[in-house]
Protein backbone atom coordinates (compact mmCIF):
# COMPACT_ATOMS: atom_id res chain seq x y z
CA MET A 1 -29.11 69.87 35.37
CA SER A 2 -26.89 72.93 35.09
CA GLU A 3 -28.03 75.47 32.50
CA TYR A 4 -24.66 75.26 30.72
CA ILE A 5 -24.77 71.46 30.42
CA SER A 6 -28.42 71.58 29.35
CA GLN A 7 -27.59 74.01 26.52
CA VAL A 8 -24.66 71.87 25.32
CA LYS A 9 -26.84 68.78 25.33
CA ASP A 10 -29.57 70.51 23.30
CA LEU A 11 -27.02 71.77 20.76
CA ILE A 12 -25.38 68.37 20.15
CA ARG A 13 -28.53 66.22 20.22
CA PRO A 14 -29.21 66.45 16.40
CA GLU A 15 -25.63 65.35 15.65
CA LEU A 16 -25.84 62.40 18.03
CA LYS A 17 -28.72 60.96 16.00
CA LYS A 18 -26.50 60.88 12.88
CA TYR A 19 -24.08 58.51 14.62
CA ASP A 20 -26.68 56.50 16.57
CA LEU A 21 -25.39 57.85 19.89
CA LYS A 22 -27.41 58.26 23.06
CA ILE A 23 -27.25 60.66 26.02
CA LEU A 24 -27.03 59.15 29.48
CA PRO A 25 -27.67 61.70 32.27
CA ARG A 26 -25.20 61.32 35.14
CA GLY A 27 -26.56 63.58 37.88
CA LYS A 28 -27.28 67.29 37.86
CA SER A 29 -24.03 68.43 36.30
CA SER A 30 -22.90 65.79 33.82
CA PHE A 31 -23.87 63.39 31.07
CA SER A 32 -22.22 60.72 28.98
CA ILE A 33 -22.49 60.07 25.27
CA MET A 34 -23.04 56.36 24.72
CA LYS A 35 -22.15 54.30 21.66
CA GLY A 36 -23.34 50.70 21.59
CA GLY A 37 -23.65 50.46 25.35
CA GLN A 38 -20.17 51.89 25.94
CA ILE A 39 -19.27 55.37 27.19
CA PHE A 40 -17.79 57.34 24.30
CA MET A 41 -17.42 60.71 26.05
CA THR A 42 -18.41 62.31 29.35
CA ILE A 43 -19.13 66.03 29.80
CA ARG A 44 -19.14 67.41 33.35
CA ASP A 45 -19.78 70.89 34.75
CA THR A 46 -17.30 71.48 37.59
CA GLY A 47 -18.38 75.02 38.49
CA ASP A 48 -16.14 77.49 36.67
CA ASN A 49 -15.02 74.85 34.16
CA VAL A 50 -16.38 72.06 32.00
CA GLU A 51 -14.45 68.82 31.80
CA ILE A 52 -14.63 66.45 28.83
CA SER A 53 -13.35 62.91 29.28
CA PHE A 54 -12.59 61.23 25.96
CA ALA A 55 -10.28 58.41 24.92
CA GLY A 56 -8.69 58.14 28.36
CA LYS A 57 -7.86 61.84 28.59
CA LYS A 58 -9.49 64.82 30.29
CA TYR A 59 -9.86 68.23 28.70
CA LEU A 60 -10.76 71.29 30.76
CA TYR A 61 -12.59 74.31 29.32
CA ASP A 62 -13.17 77.61 31.17
CA LYS A 63 -16.91 78.41 31.01
CA TYR A 64 -16.21 82.14 30.96
CA TYR A 65 -14.32 81.86 27.66
CA THR A 66 -16.04 78.79 26.20
CA LYS A 67 -19.71 79.43 25.55
CA PRO A 68 -22.06 76.40 25.22
CA GLU A 69 -22.22 76.76 21.42
CA HIS A 70 -18.41 76.71 21.19
CA LEU A 71 -18.11 73.61 23.35
CA ALA A 72 -20.89 71.94 21.34
CA ALA A 73 -18.98 72.69 18.11
CA THR A 74 -15.85 71.12 19.62
CA ILE A 75 -17.78 67.98 20.61
CA ILE A 76 -19.36 67.75 17.15
CA ASN A 77 -15.93 68.07 15.50
CA VAL A 78 -14.63 65.18 17.62
CA LEU A 79 -17.65 63.07 16.69
CA GLU A 80 -17.14 63.76 13.00
CA ALA A 81 -13.42 63.03 13.16
CA GLN A 82 -13.88 59.80 15.12
CA LEU A 83 -17.07 58.38 13.65
CA SER A 84 -17.40 59.56 10.03
CA PRO A 85 -16.47 56.96 7.44
CA LYS A 86 -12.89 57.42 6.33
CA LYS A 87 -12.45 58.30 2.66
CA GLU A 88 -9.90 56.30 0.72
CA GLU A 89 -7.10 58.36 -0.76
CA GLU A 90 -6.60 57.83 -4.47
């Protein structure tokens, strides 16, 4: 597995447990985040970039400018926004 992808995976692993998500390795340079047997998100190292596939769209991040901890924070923010219980407005 690429060093970049390995670092991202290690950084997000604690958050995945909160939402009962699993990591599915998909070769040397990518992995998917699984929710209930369905692919929730795929992260793929494409050389100079990292591609995230989520909700039918692809997002491209330049590895030179986006360090693993920054990409991990972005993924965690998406997880929180999509999977945290919504609070009722009063």
